[in-house]
Amino acid sequence: MDIPAPCALVAAAIMAAQPAQKPPTVASYYEDDEFVATGAKYRPDGLTAAHRTLPFGTKLTVCRHRRCVVVTVNDRGPATWTGCEIDLSRGAARIIGIYPDIGVDAVRIRPYPPTPRQRPRVSQ
């Protein structure tokens, strides 16, 4: 019997609730690596992330329920079979509220800094 990965279950539940929207980006967190793909020592409370394809050093804004954190990609992952697009360090996951209780949830990911079109307009 195949058991779906937690990220895939979260994505399926969100799609069932909101079928007209694009598929959600699902994030999880990790905390047990000794070293990351860049060769640096893993810092669980750092603001870092693992992504399969983005270049190392890419900065991203990750938001969940109006709680946002800026992370730097310094590792590879998550595994494709998990259904997650990004793994956050424990520190980043704590800031947006998926650590320790939830573990996996839908997030919005944007490049940081935002492009001019994404920046809020300030009236003068």
PDB file of N, CA and C in Angstrom:
ATOM      1  N   MET A   1       0.839  -1.180   0.000  1.00  0.00           N
ATOM      2  CA  MET A   1       0.000   0.000   0.000  1.00  0.00           C
ATOM      3  C   MET A   1       0.886   1.247   0.000  1.00  0.00           C
ATOM      4  N   ASP A   2       0.637   2.168  -0.926  1.00  0.00           N
ATOM      5  CA  ASP A   2       1.388   3.417  -0.974  1.00  0.00           C
ATOM      6  C   ASP A   2       0.747   4.432  -0.044  1.00  0.00           C
ATOM      7  N   ILE A   3       1.547   5.021   0.805  1.00  0.00           N
ATOM      8  CA  ILE A   3       1.061   6.066   1.702  1.00  0.00           C
ATOM      9  C   ILE A   3       1.556   7.393   1.152  1.00  0.00           C
ATOM     10  N   PRO A   4       0.642   8.347   0.870  1.00  0.00           N
ATOM     11  CA  PRO A   4       1.066   9.630   0.320  1.00  0.00           C
ATOM     12  C   PRO A   4       1.956  10.385   1.301  1.00  0.00           C
ATOM     13  N   ALA A   5       2.910  11.124   0.772  1.00  0.00           N
ATOM     14  CA  ALA A   5       3.785  11.946   1.598  1.00  0.00           C
ATOM     15  C   ALA A   5       2.982  13.090   2.208  1.00  0.00           C
ATOM     16  N   PRO A   6       3.404  13.612   3.374  1.00  0.00           N
ATOM     17  CA  PRO A   6       2.656  14.682   4.034  1.00  0.00           C
ATOM     18  C   PRO A   6       2.437  15.907   3.157  1.00  0.00           C
ATOM     19  N   CYS A   7       3.437  16.309   2.394  1.00  0.00           N
ATOM     20  CA  CYS A   7       3.285  17.485   1.538  1.00  0.00           C
ATOM     21  C   CYS A   7       2.225  17.256   0.469  1.00  0.00           C
ATOM     22  N   ALA A   8       2.199  16.059  -0.093  1.00  0.00           N
ATOM     23  CA  ALA A   8       1.202  15.741  -1.118  1.00  0.00           C
ATOM     24  C   ALA A   8      -0.204  15.754  -0.525  1.00  0.00           C
ATOM     25  N   LEU A   9      -0.354  15.287   0.703  1.00  0.00           N
ATOM     26  CA  LEU A   9      -1.659  15.313   1.369  1.00  0.00           C
ATOM     27  C   LEU A   9      -2.137  16.741   1.592  1.00  0.00           C
ATOM     28  N   VAL A  10      -1.243  17.612   2.026  1.00  0.00           N
ATOM     29  CA  VAL A  10      -1.606  19.018   2.246  1.00  0.00           C
ATOM     30  C   VAL A  10      -2.006  19.661   0.928  1.00  0.00           C
ATOM     31  N   ALA A  11      -1.235  19.444  -0.125  1.00  0.00           N
ATOM     32  CA  ALA A  11      -1.552  20.021  -1.432  1.00  0.00           C
ATOM     33  C   ALA A  11      -2.907  19.535  -1.931  1.00  0.00           C
ATOM     34  N   ALA A  12      -3.192  18.250  -1.770  1.00  0.00           N
ATOM     35  CA  ALA A  12      -4.477  17.701  -2.220  1.00  0.00           C
ATOM     36  C   ALA A  12      -5.636  18.304  -1.445  1.00  0.00           C
ATOM     37  N   ALA A  13      -5.466  18.487  -0.146  1.00  0.00           N
ATOM     38  CA  ALA A  13      -6.533  19.070   0.670  1.00  0.00           C
ATOM     39  C   ALA A  13      -6.802  20.514   0.274  1.00  0.00           C
ATOM     40  N   ILE A  14      -5.759  21.263   0.000  1.00  0.00           N
ATOM     41  CA  ILE A  14      -5.932  22.663  -0.390  1.00  0.00           C
ATOM     42  C   ILE A  14      -6.584  22.751  -1.759  1.00  0.00           C
ATOM     43  N   MET A  15      -6.168  21.906  -2.692  1.00  0.00           N
ATOM     44  CA  MET A  15      -6.765  21.917  -4.026  1.00  0.00           C
ATOM     45  C   MET A  15      -8.240  21.535  -3.980  1.00  0.00           C
ATOM     46  N   ALA A  16      -8.610  20.628  -3.103  1.00  0.00           N
ATOM     47  CA  ALA A  16     -10.009  20.238  -2.977  1.00  0.00           C
ATOM     48  C   ALA A  16     -10.852  21.403  -2.468  1.00  0.00           C
ATOM     49  N   ALA A  17     -10.272  22.219  -1.596  1.00  0.00           N
ATOM     50  CA  ALA A  17     -11.001  23.359  -1.039  1.00  0.00           C
ATOM     51  C   ALA A  17     -11.050  24.538  -2.003  1.00  0.00           C
ATOM     52  N   GLN A  18     -10.031  24.661  -2.883  1.00  0.00           N
ATOM     53  CA  GLN A  18      -9.942  25.798  -3.789  1.00  0.00           C
ATOM     54  C   GLN A  18      -9.553  25.324  -5.190  1.00  0.00           C
ATOM     55  N   PRO A  19     -10.416  24.583  -5.892  1.00  0.00           N
ATOM     56  CA  PRO A  19     -10.029  23.985  -7.165  1.00  0.00           C
ATOM     57  C   PRO A  19      -9.747  24.977  -8.287  1.00  0.00           C
ATOM     58  N   ALA A  20     -10.243  26.208  -8.204  1.00  0.00           N
ATOM     59  CA  ALA A  20     -10.069  27.156  -9.301  1.00  0.00           C
ATOM     60  C   ALA A  20      -8.707  27.850  -9.257  1.00  0.00           C
ATOM     61  N   GLN A  21      -7.962  27.698  -8.181  1.00  0.00           N
ATOM     62  CA  GLN A  21      -6.688  28.381  -8.059  1.00  0.00           C
ATOM     63  C   GLN A  21      -5.545  27.486  -8.525  1.00  0.00           C
ATOM     64  N   LYS A  22      -4.386  28.124  -8.749  1.00  0.00           N
ATOM     65  CA  LYS A  22      -3.211  27.347  -9.150  1.00  0.00           C
ATOM     66  C   LYS A  22      -2.791  26.435  -8.004  1.00  0.00           C
ATOM     67  N   PRO A  23      -2.071  25.362  -8.296  1.00  0.00           N
ATOM     68  CA  PRO A  23      -1.644  24.448  -7.237  1.00  0.00           C
ATOM     69  C   PRO A  23      -0.827  25.179  -6.176  1.00  0.00           C
ATOM     70  N   PRO A  24      -1.011  24.829  -4.913  1.00  0.00           N
ATOM     71  CA  PRO A  24      -0.294  25.525  -3.851  1.00  0.00           C
ATOM     72  C   PRO A  24       1.181  25.140  -3.825  1.00  0.00           C
ATOM     73  N   THR A  25       1.974  26.026  -3.278  1.00  0.00           N
ATOM     74  CA  THR A  25       3.369  25.715  -2.997  1.00  0.00           C
ATOM     75  C   THR A  25       3.387  25.184  -1.575  1.00  0.00           C
ATOM     76  N   VAL A  26       3.912  24.000  -1.391  1.00  0.00           N
ATOM     77  CA  VAL A  26       3.909  23.379  -0.074  1.00  0.00           C
ATOM     78  C   VAL A  26       5.326  23.386   0.483  1.00  0.00           C
ATOM     79  N   ALA A  27       5.427  23.803   1.745  1.00  0.00           N
ATOM     80  CA  ALA A  27       6.727  23.869   2.411  1.00  0.00           C
ATOM     81  C   ALA A  27       6.735  22.956   3.627  1.00  0.00           C
ATOM     82  N   SER A  28       7.914  22.462   3.933  1.00  0.00           N
ATOM     83  CA  SER A  28       8.120  21.685   5.152  1.00  0.00           C
ATOM     84  C   SER A  28       9.390  22.230   5.803  1.00  0.00           C
ATOM     85  N   TYR A  29       9.777  21.655   6.918  1.00  0.00           N
ATOM     86  CA  TYR A  29      11.024  22.081   7.540  1.00  0.00           C
ATOM     87  C   TYR A  29      11.903  20.874   7.812  1.00  0.00           C
ATOM     88  N   TYR A  30      13.176  21.136   7.971  1.00  0.00           N
ATOM     89  CA  TYR A  30      14.117  20.068   8.293  1.00  0.00           C
ATOM     90  C   TYR A  30      15.077  20.581   9.353  1.00  0.00           C
ATOM     91  N   GLU A  31      15.611  19.662  10.149  1.00  0.00           N
ATOM     92  CA  GLU A  31      16.493  20.112  11.225  1.00  0.00           C
ATOM     93  C   GLU A  31      17.600  19.127  11.573  1.00  0.00           C
ATOM     94  N   ASP A  32      17.796  18.098  10.781  1.00  0.00           N
ATOM     95  CA  ASP A  32      18.746  17.078  11.205  1.00  0.00           C
ATOM     96  C   ASP A  32      19.974  16.919  10.314  1.00  0.00           C
ATOM     97  N   ASP A  33      20.235  17.867   9.435  1.00  0.00           N
ATOM     98  CA  ASP A  33      21.438  17.781   8.594  1.00  0.00           C
ATOM     99  C   ASP A  33      22.650  18.310   9.352  1.00  0.00           C
ATOM    100  N   GLU A  34      23.807  17.743   9.064  1.00  0.00           N
ATOM    101  CA  GLU A  34      25.036  18.252   9.655  1.00  0.00           C
ATOM    102  C   GLU A  34      25.660  19.318   8.757  1.00  0.00           C
ATOM    103  N   PHE A  35      25.642  19.045   7.431  1.00  0.00           N
ATOM    104  CA  PHE A  35      26.159  20.002   6.458  1.00  0.00           C
ATOM    105  C   PHE A  35      25.140  20.140   5.339  1.00  0.00           C
ATOM    106  N   VAL A  36      25.147  21.299   4.685  1.00  0.00           N
ATOM    107  CA  VAL A  36      24.242  21.536   3.562  1.00  0.00           C
ATOM    108  C   VAL A  36      25.020  21.368   2.257  1.00  0.00           C
ATOM    109  N   ALA A  37      24.320  21.429   1.135  1.00  0.00           N
ATOM    110  CA  ALA A  37      24.932  21.167  -0.174  1.00  0.00           C
ATOM    111  C   ALA A  37      26.030  22.161  -0.534  1.00  0.00           C
ATOM    112  N   THR A  38      25.999  23.353   0.037  1.00  0.00           N
ATOM    113  CA  THR A  38      27.049  24.333  -0.249  1.00  0.00           C
ATOM    114  C   THR A  38      28.334  24.009   0.506  1.00  0.00           C
ATOM    115  N   GLY A  39      28.276  23.062   1.438  1.00  0.00           N
ATOM    116  CA  GLY A  39      29.434  22.696   2.244  1.00  0.00           C
ATOM    117  C   GLY A  39      29.454  23.373   3.603  1.00  0.00           C
ATOM    118  N   ALA A  40      28.557  24.315   3.813  1.00  0.00           N
ATOM    119  CA  ALA A  40      28.485  25.018   5.095  1.00  0.00           C
ATOM    120  C   ALA A  40      27.856  24.122   6.158  1.00  0.00           C
ATOM    121  N   LYS A  41      28.138  24.419   7.413  1.00  0.00           N
ATOM    122  CA  LYS A  41      27.516  23.692   8.513  1.00  0.00           C
ATOM    123  C   LYS A  41      26.054  24.119   8.606  1.00  0.00           C
ATOM    124  N   TYR A  42      25.161  23.164   8.771  1.00  0.00           N
ATOM    125  CA  TYR A  42      23.729  23.471   8.889  1.00  0.00           C
ATOM    126  C   TYR A  42      23.460  24.139  10.220  1.00  0.00           C
ATOM    127  N   ARG A  43      22.776  25.275  10.169  1.00  0.00           N
ATOM    128  CA  ARG A  43      22.372  25.998  11.372  1.00  0.00           C
ATOM    129  C   ARG A  43      20.857  25.913  11.486  1.00  0.00           C
ATOM    130  N   PRO A  44      20.328  25.061  12.370  1.00  0.00           N
ATOM    131  CA  PRO A  44      18.875  24.863  12.458  1.00  0.00           C
ATOM    132  C   PRO A  44      18.090  26.147  12.687  1.00  0.00           C
ATOM    133  N   ASP A  45      18.650  27.080  13.445  1.00  0.00           N
ATOM    134  CA  ASP A  45      17.914  28.307  13.730  1.00  0.00           C
ATOM    135  C   ASP A  45      18.219  29.433  12.755  1.00  0.00           C
ATOM    136  N   GLY A  46      18.946  29.131  11.688  1.00  0.00           N
ATOM    137  CA  GLY A  46      19.221  30.118  10.649  1.00  0.00           C
ATOM    138  C   GLY A  46      18.000  30.330   9.764  1.00  0.00           C
ATOM    139  N   LEU A  47      18.081  31.310   8.908  1.00  0.00           N
ATOM    140  CA  LEU A  47      16.980  31.602   7.980  1.00  0.00           C
ATOM    141  C   LEU A  47      17.393  31.148   6.589  1.00  0.00           C
ATOM    142  N   THR A  48      17.383  29.830   6.407  1.00  0.00           N
ATOM    143  CA  THR A  48      17.827  29.236   5.156  1.00  0.00           C
ATOM    144  C   THR A  48      16.772  28.281   4.631  1.00  0.00           C
ATOM    145  N   ALA A  49      16.991  27.811   3.391  1.00  0.00           N
ATOM    146  CA  ALA A  49      16.036  26.900   2.757  1.00  0.00           C
ATOM    147  C   ALA A  49      16.753  25.979   1.789  1.00  0.00           C
ATOM    148  N   ALA A  50      16.094  24.882   1.486  1.00  0.00           N
ATOM    149  CA  ALA A  50      16.566  23.947   0.471  1.00  0.00           C
ATOM    150  C   ALA A  50      15.572  23.968  -0.684  1.00  0.00           C
ATOM    151  N   HIS A  51      16.096  24.067  -1.901  1.00  0.00           N
ATOM    152  CA  HIS A  51      15.259  24.055  -3.104  1.00  0.00           C
ATOM    153  C   HIS A  51      15.964  23.216  -4.150  1.00  0.00           C
ATOM    154  N   ARG A  52      15.183  22.495  -4.953  1.00  0.00           N
ATOM    155  CA  ARG A  52      15.786  21.582  -5.935  1.00  0.00           C
ATOM    156  C   ARG A  52      16.516  22.284  -7.067  1.00  0.00           C
ATOM    157  N   THR A  53      16.041  23.453  -7.511  1.00  0.00           N
ATOM    158  CA  THR A  53      16.591  24.041  -8.732  1.00  0.00           C
ATOM    159  C   THR A  53      17.149  25.455  -8.604  1.00  0.00           C
ATOM    160  N   LEU A  54      16.721  26.233  -7.641  1.00  0.00           N
ATOM    161  CA  LEU A  54      17.190  27.622  -7.544  1.00  0.00           C
ATOM    162  C   LEU A  54      18.675  27.673  -7.202  1.00  0.00           C
ATOM    163  N   PRO A  55      19.396  28.648  -7.743  1.00  0.00           N
ATOM    164  CA  PRO A  55      20.826  28.758  -7.447  1.00  0.00           C
ATOM    165  C   PRO A  55      21.073  29.049  -5.967  1.00  0.00           C
ATOM    166  N   PHE A  56      22.192  28.547  -5.453  1.00  0.00           N
ATOM    167  CA  PHE A  56      22.576  28.859  -4.083  1.00  0.00           C
ATOM    168  C   PHE A  56      22.741  30.369  -3.948  1.00  0.00           C
ATOM    169  N   GLY A  57      22.327  30.898  -2.816  1.00  0.00           N
ATOM    170  CA  GLY A  57      22.414  32.336  -2.579  1.00  0.00           C
ATOM    171  C   GLY A  57      21.161  33.091  -2.950  1.00  0.00           C
ATOM    172  N   THR A  58      20.213  32.440  -3.636  1.00  0.00           N
ATOM    173  CA  THR A  58      18.957  33.096  -3.999  1.00  0.00           C
ATOM    174  C   THR A  58      18.185  33.431  -2.733  1.00  0.00           C
ATOM    175  N   LYS A  59      17.709  34.664  -2.654  1.00  0.00           N
ATOM    176  CA  LYS A  59      16.903  35.065  -1.503  1.00  0.00           C
ATOM    177  C   LYS A  59      15.432  35.012  -1.899  1.00  0.00           C
ATOM    178  N   LEU A  60      14.614  34.484  -0.992  1.00  0.00           N
ATOM    179  CA  LEU A  60      13.182  34.339  -1.224  1.00  0.00           C
ATOM    180  C   LEU A  60      12.407  34.865  -0.023  1.00  0.00           C
ATOM    181  N   THR A  61      11.225  35.405  -0.291  1.00  0.00           N
ATOM    182  CA  THR A  61      10.295  35.733   0.776  1.00  0.00           C
ATOM    183  C   THR A  61       9.269  34.614   0.809  1.00  0.00           C
ATOM    184  N   VAL A  62       9.133  33.967   1.962  1.00  0.00           N
ATOM    185  CA  VAL A  62       8.179  32.871   2.138  1.00  0.00           C
ATOM    186  C   VAL A  62       7.128  33.341   3.127  1.00  0.00           C
ATOM    187  N   CYS A  63       5.844  33.283   2.709  1.00  0.00           N
ATOM    188  CA  CYS A  63       4.756  33.783   3.557  1.00  0.00           C
ATOM    189  C   CYS A  63       3.708  32.705   3.802  1.00  0.00           C
ATOM    190  N   ARG A  64       3.176  32.706   5.008  1.00  0.00           N
ATOM    191  CA  ARG A  64       2.071  31.826   5.398  1.00  0.00           C
ATOM    192  C   ARG A  64       1.180  32.613   6.343  1.00  0.00           C
ATOM    193  N   HIS A  65      -0.082  32.786   5.968  1.00  0.00           N
ATOM    194  CA  HIS A  65      -1.055  33.497   6.810  1.00  0.00           C
ATOM    195  C   HIS A  65      -0.516  34.831   7.305  1.00  0.00           C
ATOM    196  N   ARG A  66      -0.007  35.643   6.394  1.00  0.00           N
ATOM    197  CA  ARG A  66       0.496  36.988   6.682  1.00  0.00           C
ATOM    198  C   ARG A  66       1.765  37.025   7.529  1.00  0.00           C
ATOM    199  N   ARG A  67       2.376  35.886   7.765  1.00  0.00           N
ATOM    200  CA  ARG A  67       3.662  35.830   8.460  1.00  0.00           C
ATOM    201  C   ARG A  67       4.715  35.497   7.420  1.00  0.00           C
ATOM    202  N   CYS A  68       5.711  36.369   7.281  1.00  0.00           N
ATOM    203  CA  CYS A  68       6.707  36.207   6.229  1.00  0.00           C
ATOM    204  C   CYS A  68       8.114  36.150   6.802  1.00  0.00           C
ATOM    205  N   VAL A  69       8.988  35.483   6.064  1.00  0.00           N
ATOM    206  CA  VAL A  69      10.393  35.398   6.418  1.00  0.00           C
ATOM    207  C   VAL A  69      11.213  35.415   5.129  1.00  0.00           C
ATOM    208  N   VAL A  70      12.372  36.058   5.169  1.00  0.00           N
ATOM    209  CA  VAL A  70      13.293  36.060   4.031  1.00  0.00           C
ATOM    210  C   VAL A  70      14.333  34.984   4.300  1.00  0.00           C
ATOM    211  N   VAL A  71      14.469  34.052   3.349  1.00  0.00           N
ATOM    212  CA  VAL A  71      15.420  32.947   3.497  1.00  0.00           C
ATOM    213  C   VAL A  71      16.414  32.966   2.337  1.00  0.00           C
ATOM    214  N   THR A  72      17.554  32.324   2.552  1.00  0.00           N
ATOM    215  CA  THR A  72      18.573  32.173   1.522  1.00  0.00           C
ATOM    216  C   THR A  72      18.700  30.695   1.182  1.00  0.00           C
ATOM    217  N   VAL A  73      18.638  30.366  -0.115  1.00  0.00           N
ATOM    218  CA  VAL A  73      18.776  28.977  -0.548  1.00  0.00           C
ATOM    219  C   VAL A  73      20.244  28.570  -0.411  1.00  0.00           C
ATOM    220  N   ASN A  74      20.494  27.533   0.412  1.00  0.00           N
ATOM    221  CA  ASN A  74      21.870  27.058   0.589  1.00  0.00           C
ATOM    222  C   ASN A  74      21.965  25.533   0.572  1.00  0.00           C
ATOM    223  N   ASP A  75      20.866  24.878   0.176  1.00  0.00           N
ATOM    224  CA  ASP A  75      20.844  23.420   0.199  1.00  0.00           C
ATOM    225  C   ASP A  75      19.957  22.912  -0.933  1.00  0.00           C
ATOM    226  N   ARG A  76      20.067  21.629  -1.231  1.00  0.00           N
ATOM    227  CA  ARG A  76      19.230  20.983  -2.236  1.00  0.00           C
ATOM    228  C   ARG A  76      18.183  20.125  -1.543  1.00  0.00           C
ATOM    229  N   GLY A  77      17.017  20.088  -2.117  1.00  0.00           N
ATOM    230  CA  GLY A  77      15.916  19.311  -1.572  1.00  0.00           C
ATOM    231  C   GLY A  77      14.666  20.122  -1.767  1.00  0.00           C
ATOM    232  N   PRO A  78      13.562  19.714  -1.304  1.00  0.00           N
ATOM    233  CA  PRO A  78      13.261  18.421  -0.699  1.00  0.00           C
ATOM    234  C   PRO A  78      13.175  17.327  -1.764  1.00  0.00           C
ATOM    235  N   ALA A  79      13.134  16.099  -1.310  1.00  0.00           N
ATOM    236  CA  ALA A  79      13.012  14.971  -2.233  1.00  0.00           C
ATOM    237  C   ALA A  79      11.719  15.104  -3.029  1.00  0.00           C
ATOM    238  N   THR A  80      11.763  14.776  -4.307  1.00  0.00           N
ATOM    239  CA  THR A  80      10.610  14.922  -5.190  1.00  0.00           C
ATOM    240  C   THR A  80       9.388  14.176  -4.673  1.00  0.00           C
ATOM    241  N   TRP A  81       9.589  12.986  -4.123  1.00  0.00           N
ATOM    242  CA  TRP A  81       8.450  12.166  -3.690  1.00  0.00           C
ATOM    243  C   TRP A  81       7.659  12.789  -2.549  1.00  0.00           C
ATOM    244  N   THR A  82       8.214  13.801  -1.866  1.00  0.00           N
ATOM    245  CA  THR A  82       7.487  14.399  -0.737  1.00  0.00           C
ATOM    246  C   THR A  82       6.346  15.283  -1.186  1.00  0.00           C
ATOM    247  N   GLY A  83       6.438  15.826  -2.406  1.00  0.00           N
ATOM    248  CA  GLY A  83       5.408  16.742  -2.878  1.00  0.00           C
ATOM    249  C   GLY A  83       5.649  18.181  -2.451  1.00  0.00           C
ATOM    250  N   CYS A  84       6.691  18.419  -1.657  1.00  0.00           N
ATOM    251  CA  CYS A  84       7.026  19.777  -1.218  1.00  0.00           C
ATOM    252  C   CYS A  84       7.924  20.443  -2.249  1.00  0.00           C
ATOM    253  N   GLU A  85       7.825  21.768  -2.330  1.00  0.00           N
ATOM    254  CA  GLU A  85       8.686  22.505  -3.246  1.00  0.00           C
ATOM    255  C   GLU A  85       9.891  23.090  -2.517  1.00  0.00           C
ATOM    256  N   ILE A  86       9.746  23.333  -1.221  1.00  0.00           N
ATOM    257  CA  ILE A  86      10.816  23.972  -0.474  1.00  0.00           C
ATOM    258  C   ILE A  86      10.864  23.402   0.940  1.00  0.00           C
ATOM    259  N   ASP A  87      12.082  23.238   1.448  1.00  0.00           N
ATOM    260  CA  ASP A  87      12.309  22.863   2.846  1.00  0.00           C
ATOM    261  C   ASP A  87      12.891  24.072   3.548  1.00  0.00           C
ATOM    262  N   LEU A  88      12.327  24.426   4.679  1.00  0.00           N
ATOM    263  CA  LEU A  88      12.815  25.565   5.449  1.00  0.00           C
ATOM    264  C   LEU A  88      13.620  25.085   6.640  1.00  0.00           C
ATOM    265  N   SER A  89      14.585  25.887   7.050  1.00  0.00           N
ATOM    266  CA  SER A  89      15.281  25.580   8.296  1.00  0.00           C
ATOM    267  C   SER A  89      14.277  25.728   9.440  1.00  0.00           C
ATOM    268  N   ARG A  90      14.604  25.143  10.566  1.00  0.00           N
ATOM    269  CA  ARG A  90      13.709  25.207  11.729  1.00  0.00           C
ATOM    270  C   ARG A  90      13.427  26.658  12.126  1.00  0.00           C
ATOM    271  N   GLY A  91      14.456  27.518  12.071  1.00  0.00           N
ATOM    272  CA  GLY A  91      14.270  28.924  12.438  1.00  0.00           C
ATOM    273  C   GLY A  91      13.280  29.633  11.535  1.00  0.00           C
ATOM    274  N   ALA A  92      13.370  29.409  10.228  1.00  0.00           N
ATOM    275  CA  ALA A  92      12.435  30.031   9.288  1.00  0.00           C
ATOM    276  C   ALA A  92      11.027  29.470   9.475  1.00  0.00           C
ATOM    277  N   ALA A  93      10.937  28.155   9.689  1.00  0.00           N
ATOM    278  CA  ALA A  93       9.627  27.520   9.892  1.00  0.00           C
ATOM    279  C   ALA A  93       8.966  28.039  11.161  1.00  0.00           C
ATOM    280  N   ARG A  94       9.749  28.302  12.181  1.00  0.00           N
ATOM    281  CA  ARG A  94       9.198  28.827  13.435  1.00  0.00           C
ATOM    282  C   ARG A  94       8.592  30.216  13.209  1.00  0.00           C
ATOM    283  N   ILE A  95       9.266  31.054  12.423  1.00  0.00           N
ATOM    284  CA  ILE A  95       8.781  32.414  12.196  1.00  0.00           C
ATOM    285  C   ILE A  95       7.431  32.419  11.484  1.00  0.00           C
ATOM    286  N   ILE A  96       7.248  31.543  10.496  1.00  0.00           N
ATOM    287  CA  ILE A  96       5.965  31.544   9.776  1.00  0.00           C
ATOM    288  C   ILE A  96       4.930  30.620  10.403  1.00  0.00           C
ATOM    289  N   GLY A  97       5.309  29.904  11.455  1.00  0.00           N
ATOM    290  CA  GLY A  97       4.324  29.148  12.228  1.00  0.00           C
ATOM    291  C   GLY A  97       4.092  27.708  11.819  1.00  0.00           C
ATOM    292  N   ILE A  98       5.023  27.074  11.090  1.00  0.00           N
ATOM    293  CA  ILE A  98       4.808  25.653  10.794  1.00  0.00           C
ATOM    294  C   ILE A  98       5.645  24.742  11.683  1.00  0.00           C
ATOM    295  N   TYR A  99       6.506  25.331  12.518  1.00  0.00           N
ATOM    296  CA  TYR A  99       7.279  24.547  13.479  1.00  0.00           C
ATOM    297  C   TYR A  99       6.814  24.912  14.873  1.00  0.00           C
ATOM    298  N   PRO A 100       6.599  24.025  15.794  1.00  0.00           N
ATOM    299  CA  PRO A 100       6.824  22.592  15.727  1.00  0.00           C
ATOM    300  C   PRO A 100       5.572  21.789  15.419  1.00  0.00           C
ATOM    301  N   ASP A 101       4.389  22.410  15.493  1.00  0.00           N
ATOM    302  CA  ASP A 101       3.153  21.631  15.472  1.00  0.00           C
ATOM    303  C   ASP A 101       2.684  21.175  14.104  1.00  0.00           C
ATOM    304  N   ILE A 102       2.731  22.035  13.105  1.00  0.00           N
ATOM    305  CA  ILE A 102       2.131  21.706  11.811  1.00  0.00           C
ATOM    306  C   ILE A 102       3.089  20.898  10.943  1.00  0.00           C
ATOM    307  N   GLY A 103       4.287  21.394  10.761  1.00  0.00           N
ATOM    308  CA  GLY A 103       5.309  20.664   9.999  1.00  0.00           C
ATOM    309  C   GLY A 103       5.270  20.870   8.507  1.00  0.00           C
ATOM    310  N   VAL A 104       4.081  20.975   7.938  1.00  0.00           N
ATOM    311  CA  VAL A 104       3.908  21.108   6.487  1.00  0.00           C
ATOM    312  C   VAL A 104       2.696  21.995   6.242  1.00  0.00           C
ATOM    313  N   ASP A 105       2.819  22.961   5.324  1.00  0.00           N
ATOM    314  CA  ASP A 105       1.651  23.782   4.998  1.00  0.00           C
ATOM    315  C   ASP A 105       1.883  24.528   3.693  1.00  0.00           C
ATOM    316  N   ALA A 106       0.819  25.111   3.170  1.00  0.00           N
ATOM    317  CA  ALA A 106       0.887  25.894   1.932  1.00  0.00           C
ATOM    318  C   ALA A 106       1.511  27.255   2.244  1.00  0.00           C
ATOM    319  N   VAL A 107       2.357  27.714   1.335  1.00  0.00           N
ATOM    320  CA  VAL A 107       3.017  29.006   1.490  1.00  0.00           C
ATOM    321  C   VAL A 107       3.016  29.738   0.152  1.00  0.00           C
ATOM    322  N   ARG A 108       3.311  31.023   0.207  1.00  0.00           N
ATOM    323  CA  ARG A 108       3.558  31.814  -0.995  1.00  0.00           C
ATOM    324  C   ARG A 108       5.050  32.120  -1.021  1.00  0.00           C
ATOM    325  N   ILE A 109       5.665  31.965  -2.192  1.00  0.00           N
ATOM    326  CA  ILE A 109       7.088  32.238  -2.332  1.00  0.00           C
ATOM    327  C   ILE A 109       7.272  33.320  -3.389  1.00  0.00           C
ATOM    328  N   ARG A 110       8.052  34.342  -3.044  1.00  0.00           N
ATOM    329  CA  ARG A 110       8.367  35.432  -3.972  1.00  0.00           C
ATOM    330  C   ARG A 110       9.870  35.675  -3.933  1.00  0.00           C
ATOM    331  N   PRO A 111      10.415  36.194  -5.027  1.00  0.00           N
ATOM    332  CA  PRO A 111      11.824  36.579  -4.987  1.00  0.00           C
ATOM    333  C   PRO A 111      12.009  37.752  -4.036  1.00  0.00           C
ATOM    334  N   TYR A 112      13.192  37.871  -3.475  1.00  0.00           N
ATOM    335  CA  TYR A 112      13.507  39.002  -2.609  1.00  0.00           C
ATOM    336  C   TYR A 112      14.753  39.666  -3.152  1.00  0.00           C
ATOM    337  N   PRO A 113      14.823  40.961  -3.316  1.00  0.00           N
ATOM    338  CA  PRO A 113      13.738  41.892  -3.074  1.00  0.00           C
ATOM    339  C   PRO A 113      12.679  41.782  -4.154  1.00  0.00           C
ATOM    340  N   PRO A 114      11.468  42.228  -3.831  1.00  0.00           N
ATOM    341  CA  PRO A 114      10.395  42.126  -4.824  1.00  0.00           C
ATOM    342  C   PRO A 114      10.696  42.984  -6.055  1.00  0.00           C
ATOM    343  N   THR A 115      10.166  42.572  -7.177  1.00  0.00           N
ATOM    344  CA  THR A 115      10.323  43.369  -8.392  1.00  0.00           C
ATOM    345  C   THR A 115       9.490  44.634  -8.229  1.00  0.00           C
ATOM    346  N   PRO A 116       9.753  45.686  -9.009  1.00  0.00           N
ATOM    347  CA  PRO A 116       9.001  46.933  -8.850  1.00  0.00           C
ATOM    348  C   PRO A 116       7.491  46.736  -8.916  1.00  0.00           C
ATOM    349  N   ARG A 117       7.039  45.793  -9.716  1.00  0.00           N
ATOM    350  CA  ARG A 117       5.604  45.559  -9.845  1.00  0.00           C
ATOM    351  C   ARG A 117       5.011  44.963  -8.565  1.00  0.00           C
ATOM    352  N   GLN A 118       5.808  44.239  -7.791  1.00  0.00           N
ATOM    353  CA  GLN A 118       5.319  43.614  -6.576  1.00  0.00           C
ATOM    354  C   GLN A 118       5.387  44.536  -5.364  1.00  0.00           C
ATOM    355  N   ARG A 119       6.163  45.610  -5.457  1.00  0.00           N
ATOM    356  CA  ARG A 119       6.301  46.511  -4.319  1.00  0.00           C
ATOM    357  C   ARG A 119       5.008  47.290  -4.111  1.00  0.00           C
ATOM    358  N   PRO A 120       4.614  47.492  -2.857  1.00  0.00           N
ATOM    359  CA  PRO A 120       3.398  48.271  -2.606  1.00  0.00           C
ATOM    360  C   PRO A 120       3.605  49.726  -3.012  1.00  0.00           C
ATOM    361  N   ARG A 121       2.559  50.327  -3.517  1.00  0.00           N
ATOM    362  CA  ARG A 121       2.628  51.743  -3.908  1.00  0.00           C
ATOM    363  C   ARG A 121       2.443  52.601  -2.657  1.00  0.00           C
ATOM    364  N   VAL A 122       3.230  53.638  -2.573  1.00  0.00           N
ATOM    365  CA  VAL A 122       3.148  54.546  -1.439  1.00  0.00           C
ATOM    366  C   VAL A 122       2.609  55.874  -1.961  1.00  0.00           C
ATOM    367  N   SER A 123       1.469  56.277  -1.431  1.00  0.00           N
ATOM    368  CA  SER A 123       0.896  57.546  -1.880  1.00  0.00           C
ATOM    369  C   SER A 123       1.585  58.696  -1.139  1.00  0.00           C
ATOM    370  N   GLN A 124       1.768  59.799  -1.861  1.00  0.00           N
ATOM    371  CA  GLN A 124       2.464  60.940  -1.252  1.00  0.00           C
ATOM    372  C   GLN A 124       1.541  62.111  -1.077  1.00  0.00           C
TER     373      GLN A 124
END
